Structure formats: structure tokens, C-alpha cells
PDB file of N, CA and C in Angstrom:
ATOM      1  N   MET A   1     106.333 117.986  90.242  1.00  0.00           N
ATOM      2  CA  MET A   1     105.151 117.952  91.096  1.00  0.00           C
ATOM      3  C   MET A   1     104.212 119.072  90.633  1.00  0.00           C
ATOM      4  N   ASN A   2     102.935 118.779  90.584  1.00  0.00           N
ATOM      5  CA  ASN A   2     101.988 119.812  90.180  1.00  0.00           C
ATOM      6  C   ASN A   2     101.767 120.825  91.306  1.00  0.00           C
ATOM      7  N   LYS A   3     101.134 121.941  90.964  1.00  0.00           N
ATOM      8  CA  LYS A   3     100.980 123.028  91.943  1.00  0.00           C
ATOM      9  C   LYS A   3     100.154 122.624  93.156  1.00  0.00           C
ATOM     10  N   GLY A   4      99.098 121.860  92.941  1.00  0.00           N
ATOM     11  CA  GLY A   4      98.258 121.468  94.070  1.00  0.00           C
ATOM     12  C   GLY A   4      99.003 120.624  95.081  1.00  0.00           C
ATOM     13  N   ALA A   5      99.687 119.595  94.598  1.00  0.00           N
ATOM     14  CA  ALA A   5     100.442 118.722  95.496  1.00  0.00           C
ATOM     15  C   ALA A   5     101.561 119.501  96.174  1.00  0.00           C
ATOM     16  N   TRP A   6     102.218 120.387  95.427  1.00  0.00           N
ATOM     17  CA  TRP A   6     103.303 121.190  95.999  1.00  0.00           C
ATOM     18  C   TRP A   6     102.774 122.081  97.112  1.00  0.00           C
ATOM     19  N   ARG A   7     101.618 122.725  96.876  1.00  0.00           N
ATOM     20  CA  ARG A   7     101.050 123.632  97.879  1.00  0.00           C
ATOM     21  C   ARG A   7     100.639 122.874  99.134  1.00  0.00           C
ATOM     22  N   ILE A   8     100.069 121.699  98.967  1.00  0.00           N
ATOM     23  CA  ILE A   8      99.693 120.882 100.119  1.00  0.00           C
ATOM     24  C   ILE A   8     100.941 120.467 100.898  1.00  0.00           C
ATOM     25  N   THR A   9     101.966 120.072 100.177  1.00  0.00           N
ATOM     26  CA  THR A   9     103.227 119.692 100.826  1.00  0.00           C
ATOM     27  C   THR A   9     103.799 120.852 101.620  1.00  0.00           C
ATOM     28  N   GLN A  10     103.794 122.044 101.033  1.00  0.00           N
ATOM     29  CA  GLN A  10     104.317 123.224 101.727  1.00  0.00           C
ATOM     30  C   GLN A  10     103.507 123.526 102.993  1.00  0.00           C
ATOM     31  N   GLU A  11     102.200 123.346 102.940  1.00  0.00           N
ATOM     32  CA  GLU A  11     101.368 123.581 104.122  1.00  0.00           C
ATOM     33  C   GLU A  11     101.657 122.535 105.191  1.00  0.00           C
ATOM     34  N   ARG A  12     101.851 121.292 104.782  1.00  0.00           N
ATOM     35  CA  ARG A  12     102.170 120.243 105.760  1.00  0.00           C
ATOM     36  C   ARG A  12     103.500 120.532 106.429  1.00  0.00           C
ATOM     37  N   ILE A  13     104.487 120.972 105.667  1.00  0.00           N
ATOM     38  CA  ILE A  13     105.783 121.346 106.232  1.00  0.00           C
ATOM     39  C   ILE A  13     105.601 122.495 107.220  1.00  0.00           C
ATOM     40  N   ARG A  14     104.784 123.473 106.871  1.00  0.00           N
ATOM     41  CA  ARG A  14     104.525 124.608 107.764  1.00  0.00           C
ATOM     42  C   ARG A  14     103.875 124.128 109.054  1.00  0.00           C
ATOM     43  N   GLN A  15     102.902 123.235 108.943  1.00  0.00           N
ATOM     44  CA  GLN A  15     102.230 122.714 110.136  1.00  0.00           C
ATOM     45  C   GLN A  15     103.232 122.037 111.074  1.00  0.00           C
ATOM     46  N   ILE A  16     104.158 121.314 110.504  1.00  0.00           N
ATOM     47  CA  ILE A  16     105.154 120.607 111.313  1.00  0.00           C
ATOM     48  C   ILE A  16     106.162 121.572 111.914  1.00  0.00           C
ATOM     49  N   GLU A  17     106.734 122.426 111.064  1.00  0.00           N
ATOM     50  CA  GLU A  17     107.831 123.292 111.507  1.00  0.00           C
ATOM     51  C   GLU A  17     107.370 124.484 112.346  1.00  0.00           C
ATOM     52  N   GLU A  18     106.257 125.103 111.978  1.00  0.00           N
ATOM     53  CA  GLU A  18     105.820 126.304 112.689  1.00  0.00           C
ATOM     54  C   GLU A  18     104.846 126.018 113.821  1.00  0.00           C
ATOM     55  N   GLU A  19     103.978 125.029 113.622  1.00  0.00           N
ATOM     56  CA  GLU A  19     102.960 124.727 114.628  1.00  0.00           C
ATOM     57  C   GLU A  19     103.370 123.570 115.540  1.00  0.00           C
ATOM     58  N   GLY A  20     104.347 122.798 115.115  1.00  0.00           N
ATOM     59  CA  GLY A  20     104.768 121.647 115.914  1.00  0.00           C
ATOM     60  C   GLY A  20     103.835 120.458 115.801  1.00  0.00           C
ATOM     61  N   PHE A  21     103.045 120.399 114.727  1.00  0.00           N
ATOM     62  CA  PHE A  21     102.070 119.327 114.550  1.00  0.00           C
ATOM     63  C   PHE A  21     102.655 118.220 113.691  1.00  0.00           C
ATOM     64  N   GLY A  22     103.599 117.511 114.249  1.00  0.00           N
ATOM     65  CA  GLY A  22     104.256 116.423 113.547  1.00  0.00           C
ATOM     66  C   GLY A  22     103.754 115.075 113.984  1.00  0.00           C
ATOM     67  N   ARG A  23     104.562 114.085 113.753  1.00  0.00           N
ATOM     68  CA  ARG A  23     104.220 112.677 113.971  1.00  0.00           C
ATOM     69  C   ARG A  23     103.689 112.391 115.373  1.00  0.00           C
ATOM     70  N   PHE A  24     104.381 112.871 116.387  1.00  0.00           N
ATOM     71  CA  PHE A  24     103.982 112.531 117.753  1.00  0.00           C
ATOM     72  C   PHE A  24     102.708 113.263 118.160  1.00  0.00           C
ATOM     73  N   HIS A  25     102.552 114.479 117.700  1.00  0.00           N
ATOM     74  CA  HIS A  25     101.320 115.222 117.957  1.00  0.00           C
ATOM     75  C   HIS A  25     100.145 114.540 117.269  1.00  0.00           C
ATOM     76  N   ASP A  26     100.327 114.199 115.997  1.00  0.00           N
ATOM     77  CA  ASP A  26      99.242 113.594 115.222  1.00  0.00           C
ATOM     78  C   ASP A  26      98.819 112.241 115.772  1.00  0.00           C
ATOM     79  N   ALA A  27      99.755 111.516 116.398  1.00  0.00           N
ATOM     80  CA  ALA A  27      99.439 110.196 116.950  1.00  0.00           C
ATOM     81  C   ALA A  27      98.342 110.272 118.010  1.00  0.00           C
ATOM     82  N   ASP A  28      98.196 111.431 118.634  1.00  0.00           N
ATOM     83  CA  ASP A  28      97.161 111.612 119.657  1.00  0.00           C
ATOM     84  C   ASP A  28      95.759 111.752 119.077  1.00  0.00           C
ATOM     85  N   HIS A  29      95.660 111.914 117.776  1.00  0.00           N
ATOM     86  CA  HIS A  29      94.359 112.157 117.133  1.00  0.00           C
ATOM     87  C   HIS A  29      93.893 110.910 116.388  1.00  0.00           C
ATOM     88  N   GLU A  30      93.586 109.878 117.155  1.00  0.00           N
ATOM     89  CA  GLU A  30      93.235 108.595 116.551  1.00  0.00           C
ATOM     90  C   GLU A  30      91.734 108.374 116.409  1.00  0.00           C
ATOM     91  N   ASN A  31      90.943 109.409 116.615  1.00  0.00           N
ATOM     92  CA  ASN A  31      89.485 109.268 116.505  1.00  0.00           C
ATOM     93  C   ASN A  31      88.898 110.046 115.332  1.00  0.00           C
ATOM     94  N   GLY A  32      89.720 110.263 114.304  1.00  0.00           N
ATOM     95  CA  GLY A  32      89.219 110.929 113.106  1.00  0.00           C
ATOM     96  C   GLY A  32      89.275 112.445 113.134  1.00  0.00           C
ATOM     97  N   GLU A  33      89.911 113.016 114.152  1.00  0.00           N
ATOM     98  CA  GLU A  33      89.930 114.482 114.275  1.00  0.00           C
ATOM     99  C   GLU A  33      90.617 115.158 113.098  1.00  0.00           C
ATOM    100  N   LEU A  34      91.693 114.563 112.601  1.00  0.00           N
ATOM    101  CA  LEU A  34      92.394 115.181 111.471  1.00  0.00           C
ATOM    102  C   LEU A  34      91.486 115.239 110.247  1.00  0.00           C
ATOM    103  N   LEU A  35      90.717 114.182 110.037  1.00  0.00           N
ATOM    104  CA  LEU A  35      89.793 114.176 108.901  1.00  0.00           C
ATOM    105  C   LEU A  35      88.617 115.118 109.115  1.00  0.00           C
ATOM    106  N   GLU A  36      88.141 115.231 110.349  1.00  0.00           N
ATOM    107  CA  GLU A  36      87.066 116.185 110.637  1.00  0.00           C
ATOM    108  C   GLU A  36      87.537 117.606 110.349  1.00  0.00           C
ATOM    109  N   ALA A  37      88.755 117.923 110.753  1.00  0.00           N
ATOM    110  CA  ALA A  37      89.299 119.256 110.507  1.00  0.00           C
ATOM    111  C   ALA A  37      89.465 119.487 109.006  1.00  0.00           C
ATOM    112  N   ALA A  38      89.965 118.486 108.289  1.00  0.00           N
ATOM    113  CA  ALA A  38      90.099 118.605 106.833  1.00  0.00           C
ATOM    114  C   ALA A  38      88.735 118.870 106.202  1.00  0.00           C
ATOM    115  N   HIS A  39      87.738 118.163 106.677  1.00  0.00           N
ATOM    116  CA  HIS A  39      86.372 118.350 106.171  1.00  0.00           C
ATOM    117  C   HIS A  39      85.903 119.788 106.376  1.00  0.00           C
ATOM    118  N   CYS A  40      86.200 120.360 107.516  1.00  0.00           N
ATOM    119  CA  CYS A  40      85.799 121.739 107.786  1.00  0.00           C
ATOM    120  C   CYS A  40      86.454 122.709 106.810  1.00  0.00           C
ATOM    121  N   TYR A  41      87.734 122.502 106.550  1.00  0.00           N
ATOM    122  CA  TYR A  41      88.418 123.379 105.591  1.00  0.00           C
ATOM    123  C   TYR A  41      87.901 123.157 104.170  1.00  0.00           C
ATOM    124  N   MET A  42      87.516 121.932 103.834  1.00  0.00           N
ATOM    125  CA  MET A  42      86.912 121.701 102.521  1.00  0.00           C
ATOM    126  C   MET A  42      85.551 122.382 102.430  1.00  0.00           C
ATOM    127  N   MET A  43      84.784 122.349 103.527  1.00  0.00           N
ATOM    128  CA  MET A  43      83.496 123.056 103.535  1.00  0.00           C
ATOM    129  C   MET A  43      83.706 124.555 103.366  1.00  0.00           C
ATOM    130  N   ALA A  44      84.742 125.101 104.011  1.00  0.00           N
ATOM    131  CA  ALA A  44      85.031 126.527 103.872  1.00  0.00           C
ATOM    132  C   ALA A  44      85.392 126.854 102.436  1.00  0.00           C
ATOM    133  N   ALA A  45      86.156 125.981 101.790  1.00  0.00           N
ATOM    134  CA  ALA A  45      86.503 126.193 100.382  1.00  0.00           C
ATOM    135  C   ALA A  45      85.260 126.136  99.508  1.00  0.00           C
ATOM    136  N   GLN A  46      84.409 125.168  99.754  1.00  0.00           N
ATOM    137  CA  GLN A  46      83.198 125.040  98.951  1.00  0.00           C
ATOM    138  C   GLN A  46      82.251 126.207  99.206  1.00  0.00           C
ATOM    139  N   ALA A  47      82.158 126.629 100.447  1.00  0.00           N
ATOM    140  CA  ALA A  47      81.252 127.725 100.789  1.00  0.00           C
ATOM    141  C   ALA A  47      81.648 129.016 100.083  1.00  0.00           C
ATOM    142  N   SER A  48      82.931 129.178  99.756  1.00  0.00           N
ATOM    143  CA  SER A  48      83.373 130.404  99.103  1.00  0.00           C
ATOM    144  C   SER A  48      82.722 130.565  97.732  1.00  0.00           C
ATOM    145  N   TYR A  49      82.271 129.490  97.130  1.00  0.00           N
ATOM    146  CA  TYR A  49      81.597 129.568  95.831  1.00  0.00           C
ATOM    147  C   TYR A  49      80.210 130.192  95.954  1.00  0.00           C
ATOM    148  N   TYR A  50      79.680 130.195  97.162  1.00  0.00           N
ATOM    149  CA  TYR A  50      78.350 130.721  97.379  1.00  0.00           C
ATOM    150  C   TYR A  50      78.364 132.197  97.758  1.00  0.00           C
ATOM    151  N   GLY A  51      79.537 132.747  98.063  1.00  0.00           N
ATOM    152  CA  GLY A  51      79.636 134.140  98.476  1.00  0.00           C
ATOM    153  C   GLY A  51      79.389 134.284  99.966  1.00  0.00           C
ATOM    154  N   THR A  52      79.899 135.362 100.533  1.00  0.00           N
ATOM    155  CA  THR A  52      79.822 135.532 101.982  1.00  0.00           C
ATOM    156  C   THR A  52      78.409 135.782 102.483  1.00  0.00           C
ATOM    157  N   ASP A  53      77.505 136.191 101.614  1.00  0.00           N
ATOM    158  CA  ASP A  53      76.126 136.440 102.047  1.00  0.00           C
ATOM    159  C   ASP A  53      75.235 135.220 101.873  1.00  0.00           C
ATOM    160  N   ASN A  54      75.749 134.217 101.252  1.00  0.00           N
ATOM    161  CA  ASN A  54      74.938 133.036 100.977  1.00  0.00           C
ATOM    162  C   ASN A  54      75.319 131.893 101.905  1.00  0.00           C
ATOM    163  N   VAL A  55      74.440 130.958 101.994  1.00  0.00           N
ATOM    164  CA  VAL A  55      74.642 129.784 102.832  1.00  0.00           C
ATOM    165  C   VAL A  55      75.026 128.628 101.926  1.00  0.00           C
ATOM    166  N   SER A  56      75.977 127.832 102.361  1.00  0.00           N
ATOM    167  CA  SER A  56      76.414 126.700 101.549  1.00  0.00           C
ATOM    168  C   SER A  56      75.439 125.540 101.666  1.00  0.00           C
ATOM    169  N   PHE A  57      75.866 124.408 101.120  1.00  0.00           N
ATOM    170  CA  PHE A  57      75.029 123.220 101.041  1.00  0.00           C
ATOM    171  C   PHE A  57      74.535 122.714 102.385  1.00  0.00           C
ATOM    172  N   ASP A  58      75.226 123.015 103.476  1.00  0.00           N
ATOM    173  CA  ASP A  58      74.816 122.457 104.771  1.00  0.00           C
ATOM    174  C   ASP A  58      74.568 123.532 105.824  1.00  0.00           C
ATOM    175  N   GLY A  59      74.372 124.779 105.392  1.00  0.00           N
ATOM    176  CA  GLY A  59      74.127 125.857 106.339  1.00  0.00           C
ATOM    177  C   GLY A  59      75.388 126.516 106.849  1.00  0.00           C
ATOM    178  N   PHE A  60      76.521 126.198 106.271  1.00  0.00           N
ATOM    179  CA  PHE A  60      77.811 126.713 106.710  1.00  0.00           C
ATOM    180  C   PHE A  60      78.171 127.946 105.895  1.00  0.00           C
ATOM    181  N   HIS A  61      78.510 129.035 106.582  1.00  0.00           N
ATOM    182  CA  HIS A  61      78.925 130.267 105.913  1.00  0.00           C
ATOM    183  C   HIS A  61      80.445 130.322 105.818  1.00  0.00           C
ATOM    184  N   PRO A  62      80.979 130.936 104.752  1.00  0.00           N
ATOM    185  CA  PRO A  62      82.434 131.076 104.664  1.00  0.00           C
ATOM    186  C   PRO A  62      82.983 131.796 105.893  1.00  0.00           C
ATOM    187  N   GLY A  63      84.021 131.242 106.493  1.00  0.00           N
ATOM    188  CA  GLY A  63      84.650 131.866 107.647  1.00  0.00           C
ATOM    189  C   GLY A  63      83.950 131.623 108.965  1.00  0.00           C
ATOM    190  N   GLU A  64      82.755 131.093 108.924  1.00  0.00           N
ATOM    191  CA  GLU A  64      81.995 130.840 110.147  1.00  0.00           C
ATOM    192  C   GLU A  64      82.623 129.677 110.920  1.00  0.00           C
ATOM    193  N   TYR A  65      82.505 129.722 112.204  1.00  0.00           N
ATOM    194  CA  TYR A  65      83.018 128.643 113.044  1.00  0.00           C
ATOM    195  C   TYR A  65      82.120 127.414 112.907  1.00  0.00           C
ATOM    196  N   PRO A  66      82.654 126.298 112.435  1.00  0.00           N
ATOM    197  CA  PRO A  66      81.834 125.095 112.226  1.00  0.00           C
ATOM    198  C   PRO A  66      81.718 124.263 113.496  1.00  0.00           C
ATOM    199  N   SER A  67      81.075 124.810 114.509  1.00  0.00           N
ATOM    200  CA  SER A  67      81.088 124.209 115.840  1.00  0.00           C
ATOM    201  C   SER A  67      80.653 122.755 115.876  1.00  0.00           C
ATOM    202  N   GLN A  68      79.716 122.361 115.049  1.00  0.00           N
ATOM    203  CA  GLN A  68      79.258 120.979 115.118  1.00  0.00           C
ATOM    204  C   GLN A  68      80.239 119.990 114.497  1.00  0.00           C
ATOM    205  N   TYR A  69      81.220 120.480 113.772  1.00  0.00           N
ATOM    206  CA  TYR A  69      82.178 119.605 113.119  1.00  0.00           C
ATOM    207  C   TYR A  69      83.610 119.771 113.618  1.00  0.00           C
ATOM    208  N   TRP A  70      83.997 120.970 113.957  1.00  0.00           N
ATOM    209  CA  TRP A  70      85.402 121.256 114.289  1.00  0.00           C
ATOM    210  C   TRP A  70      85.819 120.482 115.534  1.00  0.00           C
ATOM    211  N   PRO A  71      86.899 119.679 115.450  1.00  0.00           N
ATOM    212  CA  PRO A  71      87.248 118.787 116.559  1.00  0.00           C
ATOM    213  C   PRO A  71      88.052 119.425 117.690  1.00  0.00           C
ATOM    214  N   TRP A  72      88.540 120.667 117.494  1.00  0.00           N
ATOM    215  CA  TRP A  72      89.431 121.258 118.483  1.00  0.00           C
ATOM    216  C   TRP A  72      88.908 122.605 118.959  1.00  0.00           C
ATOM    217  N   HIS A  73      89.641 123.233 119.826  1.00  0.00           N
ATOM    218  CA  HIS A  73      89.275 124.540 120.352  1.00  0.00           C
ATOM    219  C   HIS A  73      89.105 125.545 119.213  1.00  0.00           C
ATOM    220  N   ARG A  74      88.193 126.440 119.406  1.00  0.00           N
ATOM    221  CA  ARG A  74      87.871 127.445 118.391  1.00  0.00           C
ATOM    222  C   ARG A  74      89.093 128.252 117.929  1.00  0.00           C
ATOM    223  N   LYS A  75      90.068 128.470 118.808  1.00  0.00           N
ATOM    224  CA  LYS A  75      91.231 129.285 118.442  1.00  0.00           C
ATOM    225  C   LYS A  75      92.031 128.676 117.298  1.00  0.00           C
ATOM    226  N   TRP A  76      91.867 127.363 117.063  1.00  0.00           N
ATOM    227  CA  TRP A  76      92.602 126.697 115.990  1.00  0.00           C
ATOM    228  C   TRP A  76      91.875 126.752 114.655  1.00  0.00           C
ATOM    229  N   TRP A  77      90.655 127.253 114.638  1.00  0.00           N
ATOM    230  CA  TRP A  77      89.899 127.382 113.377  1.00  0.00           C
ATOM    231  C   TRP A  77      90.341 128.680 112.701  1.00  0.00           C
ATOM    232  N   LYS A  78      91.050 128.522 111.577  1.00  0.00           N
ATOM    233  CA  LYS A  78      91.646 129.673 110.886  1.00  0.00           C
ATOM    234  C   LYS A  78      91.375 129.595 109.385  1.00  0.00           C
ATOM    235  N   PRO A  79      90.113 129.738 108.996  1.00  0.00           N
ATOM    236  CA  PRO A  79      89.814 129.672 107.565  1.00  0.00           C
ATOM    237  C   PRO A  79      90.329 130.918 106.847  1.00  0.00           C
ATOM    238  N   SER A  80      90.477 130.779 105.571  1.00  0.00           N
ATOM    239  CA  SER A  80      90.926 131.872 104.723  1.00  0.00           C
ATOM    240  C   SER A  80      89.780 132.290 103.808  1.00  0.00           C
ATOM    241  N   GLU A  81      89.866 133.473 103.265  1.00  0.00           N
ATOM    242  CA  GLU A  81      88.904 133.873 102.239  1.00  0.00           C
ATOM    243  C   GLU A  81      89.203 133.175 100.926  1.00  0.00           C
ATOM    244  N   SER A  82      90.420 132.637 100.809  1.00  0.00           N
ATOM    245  CA  SER A  82      90.844 131.961  99.582  1.00  0.00           C
ATOM    246  C   SER A  82      90.474 130.484  99.618  1.00  0.00           C
ATOM    247  N   PRO A  83      89.683 130.013  98.654  1.00  0.00           N
ATOM    248  CA  PRO A  83      89.381 128.581  98.629  1.00  0.00           C
ATOM    249  C   PRO A  83      90.642 127.741  98.431  1.00  0.00           C
ATOM    250  N   ILE A  84      91.623 128.270  97.700  1.00  0.00           N
ATOM    251  CA  ILE A  84      92.874 127.527  97.506  1.00  0.00           C
ATOM    252  C   ILE A  84      93.580 127.327  98.838  1.00  0.00           C
ATOM    253  N   ARG A  85      93.647 128.372  99.644  1.00  0.00           N
ATOM    254  CA  ARG A  85      94.324 128.257 100.944  1.00  0.00           C
ATOM    255  C   ARG A  85      93.607 127.251 101.838  1.00  0.00           C
ATOM    256  N   ASN A  86      92.287 127.270 101.839  1.00  0.00           N
ATOM    257  CA  ASN A  86      91.535 126.312 102.648  1.00  0.00           C
ATOM    258  C   ASN A  86      91.756 124.887 102.150  1.00  0.00           C
ATOM    259  N   LEU A  87      91.885 124.712 100.839  1.00  0.00           N
ATOM    260  CA  LEU A  87      92.159 123.385 100.297  1.00  0.00           C
ATOM    261  C   LEU A  87      93.572 122.924 100.624  1.00  0.00           C
ATOM    262  N   GLU A  88      94.531 123.853 100.677  1.00  0.00           N
ATOM    263  CA  GLU A  88      95.882 123.502 101.119  1.00  0.00           C
ATOM    264  C   GLU A  88      95.842 122.947 102.534  1.00  0.00           C
ATOM    265  N   LYS A  89      95.111 123.626 103.403  1.00  0.00           N
ATOM    266  CA  LYS A  89      95.015 123.172 104.795  1.00  0.00           C
ATOM    267  C   LYS A  89      94.320 121.819 104.878  1.00  0.00           C
ATOM    268  N   ALA A  90      93.237 121.663 104.120  1.00  0.00           N
ATOM    269  CA  ALA A  90      92.515 120.388 104.118  1.00  0.00           C
ATOM    270  C   ALA A  90      93.411 119.264 103.621  1.00  0.00           C
ATOM    271  N   GLY A  91      94.116 119.506 102.525  1.00  0.00           N
ATOM    272  CA  GLY A  91      95.006 118.485 101.968  1.00  0.00           C
ATOM    273  C   GLY A  91      96.120 118.104 102.922  1.00  0.00           C
ATOM    274  N   ALA A  92      96.681 119.091 103.604  1.00  0.00           N
ATOM    275  CA  ALA A  92      97.752 118.822 104.565  1.00  0.00           C
ATOM    276  C   ALA A  92      97.233 117.999 105.738  1.00  0.00           C
ATOM    277  N   LEU A  93      96.007 118.257 106.151  1.00  0.00           N
ATOM    278  CA  LEU A  93      95.418 117.468 107.241  1.00  0.00           C
ATOM    279  C   LEU A  93      95.144 116.032 106.794  1.00  0.00           C
ATOM    280  N   VAL A  94      94.734 115.842 105.551  1.00  0.00           N
ATOM    281  CA  VAL A  94      94.564 114.486 105.023  1.00  0.00           C
ATOM    282  C   VAL A  94      95.920 113.788 104.976  1.00  0.00           C
ATOM    283  N   ALA A  95      96.958 114.498 104.524  1.00  0.00           N
ATOM    284  CA  ALA A  95      98.307 113.923 104.513  1.00  0.00           C
ATOM    285  C   ALA A  95      98.739 113.536 105.919  1.00  0.00           C
ATOM    286  N   ALA A  96      98.416 114.363 106.898  1.00  0.00           N
ATOM    287  CA  ALA A  96      98.755 114.056 108.288  1.00  0.00           C
ATOM    288  C   ALA A  96      98.059 112.776 108.746  1.00  0.00           C
ATOM    289  N   GLU A  97      96.809 112.595 108.342  1.00  0.00           N
ATOM    290  CA  GLU A  97      96.084 111.376 108.721  1.00  0.00           C
ATOM    291  C   GLU A  97      96.686 110.154 108.031  1.00  0.00           C
ATOM    292  N   ILE A  98      97.092 110.298 106.774  1.00  0.00           N
ATOM    293  CA  ILE A  98      97.750 109.188 106.079  1.00  0.00           C
ATOM    294  C   ILE A  98      99.034 108.816 106.813  1.00  0.00           C
ATOM    295  N   ASP A  99      99.815 109.823 107.182  1.00  0.00           N
ATOM    296  CA  ASP A  99     101.059 109.561 107.924  1.00  0.00           C
ATOM    297  C   ASP A  99     100.767 108.897 109.267  1.00  0.00           C
ATOM    298  N   ARG A 100      99.741 109.394 109.965  1.00  0.00           N
ATOM    299  CA  ARG A 100      99.397 108.836 111.276  1.00  0.00           C
ATOM    300  C   ARG A 100      99.031 107.366 111.150  1.00  0.00           C
ATOM    301  N   LEU A 101      98.202 107.054 110.165  1.00  0.00           N
ATOM    302  CA  LEU A 101      97.799 105.663 109.957  1.00  0.00           C
ATOM    303  C   LEU A 101      98.994 104.795 109.559  1.00  0.00           C
ATOM    304  N   SER A 102      99.846 105.318 108.692  1.00  0.00           N
ATOM    305  CA  SER A 102     101.028 104.570 108.262  1.00  0.00           C
ATOM    306  C   SER A 102     101.930 104.255 109.435  1.00  0.00           C
ATOM    307  N   HIS A 103     102.154 105.240 110.297  1.00  0.00           N
ATOM    308  CA  HIS A 103     103.001 105.015 111.474  1.00  0.00           C
ATOM    309  C   HIS A 103     102.368 104.017 112.431  1.00  0.00           C
ATOM    310  N   ALA A 104     101.043 104.086 112.568  1.00  0.00           N
ATOM    311  CA  ALA A 104     100.349 103.139 113.450  1.00  0.00           C
ATOM    312  C   ALA A 104     100.500 101.712 112.929  1.00  0.00           C
ATOM    313  N   ILE A 105     100.393 101.533 111.619  1.00  0.00           N
ATOM    314  CA  ILE A 105     100.564 100.205 111.016  1.00  0.00           C
ATOM    315  C   ILE A 105     101.995  99.722 111.214  1.00  0.00           C
ATOM    316  N   GLU A 106     102.966 100.620 110.999  1.00  0.00           N
ATOM    317  CA  GLU A 106     104.378 100.254 111.214  1.00  0.00           C
ATOM    318  C   GLU A 106     104.615  99.815 112.656  1.00  0.00           C
ATOM    319  N   ARG A 107     104.017 100.522 113.616  1.00  0.00           N
ATOM    320  CA  ARG A 107     104.169 100.162 115.027  1.00  0.00           C
ATOM    321  C   ARG A 107     103.608  98.773 115.294  1.00  0.00           C
ATOM    322  N   GLU A 108     102.426  98.496 114.739  1.00  0.00           N
ATOM    323  CA  GLU A 108     101.801  97.192 114.940  1.00  0.00           C
ATOM    324  C   GLU A 108     102.664  96.078 114.362  1.00  0.00           C
ATOM    325  N   VAL A 109     103.182  96.283 113.173  1.00  0.00           N
ATOM    326  CA  VAL A 109     104.037  95.281 112.545  1.00  0.00           C
ATOM    327  C   VAL A 109     105.292  95.059 113.362  1.00  0.00           C
ATOM    328  N   ASN A 110     105.900  96.144 113.825  1.00  0.00           N
ATOM    329  CA  ASN A 110     107.122  96.039 114.637  1.00  0.00           C
ATOM    330  C   ASN A 110     106.857  95.307 115.945  1.00  0.00           C
ATOM    331  N   GLU A 111     105.693  95.553 116.547  1.00  0.00           N
ATOM    332  CA  GLU A 111     105.354  94.877 117.804  1.00  0.00           C
ATOM    333  C   GLU A 111     105.143  93.384 117.576  1.00  0.00           C
ATOM    334  N   GLU A 112     104.532  93.059 116.431  1.00  0.00           N
ATOM    335  CA  GLU A 112     104.259  91.645 116.126  1.00  0.00           C
ATOM    336  C   GLU A 112     105.539  90.890 115.795  1.00  0.00           C
ATOM    337  N   THR A 113     106.473  91.570 115.126  1.00  0.00           N
ATOM    338  CA  THR A 113     107.703  90.889 114.699  1.00  0.00           C
ATOM    339  C   THR A 113     108.863  91.115 115.640  1.00  0.00           C
ATOM    340  N   GLY A 114     108.672  92.102 116.545  1.00  0.00           N
ATOM    341  CA  GLY A 114     109.718  92.576 117.392  1.00  0.00           C
ATOM    342  C   GLY A 114     110.330  91.777 118.393  1.00  0.00           C
TER     343      GLY A 114
END
């Protein structure tokens, strides 16, 4: 496994084991919240290329609270100064959304055939 995929996997494991954000928790976020959060962490990673004194492509500063995009309470917004760390978080959130969708499809199939 390459370093990027490994790092994302490790972050997803951390989210599940340390934060308790596993399958049943993620199932509650069926309105795109996981992807919105991933987007915020990707913006934080991209903003780091502009430096802390500069504004990114959409007016977002590194580390700033992305209130218009962040889907949850402010206390859960935990950007890093490291673009790699922010990308790990974004990737893990995308993986969580893939898992959520996969489980939802499995449930539908089971209900139809059940």
C-alpha cells in the first residue's frame, strides 16, 4: 500500500477507535455531511499553499473556521498546519462516506430480498 492510502486508512481507524465514528454513527449523516467535512479539510490543505497571511481561492484562511461549509459544531473542526494531516482527515471522511453508501445499498438489497 502506498503512503497516502496507508495514512488515510490509519486516520479512518483512529476516527473509529478513538472518536467512535464508525458505521452506526456515519449512518446518521445521510445528507452529505461527511463530504462537506472532507471538503473543508481539503480547503484547509489547499489554503496552506497560500501561507497563513494569505487568502485562499475562496476566502478561506488556513486554520480558520469554515462556518459556511462545516456541517457540525465548531468544536469538531480541528485543522492542522500540515496539509498532509488535513488530507488524511479528508480522505478518511471520503472513505467513511463510501462505507456509509455501501452499507445503505446492502441494507436496501437485503430488504428487497429478505
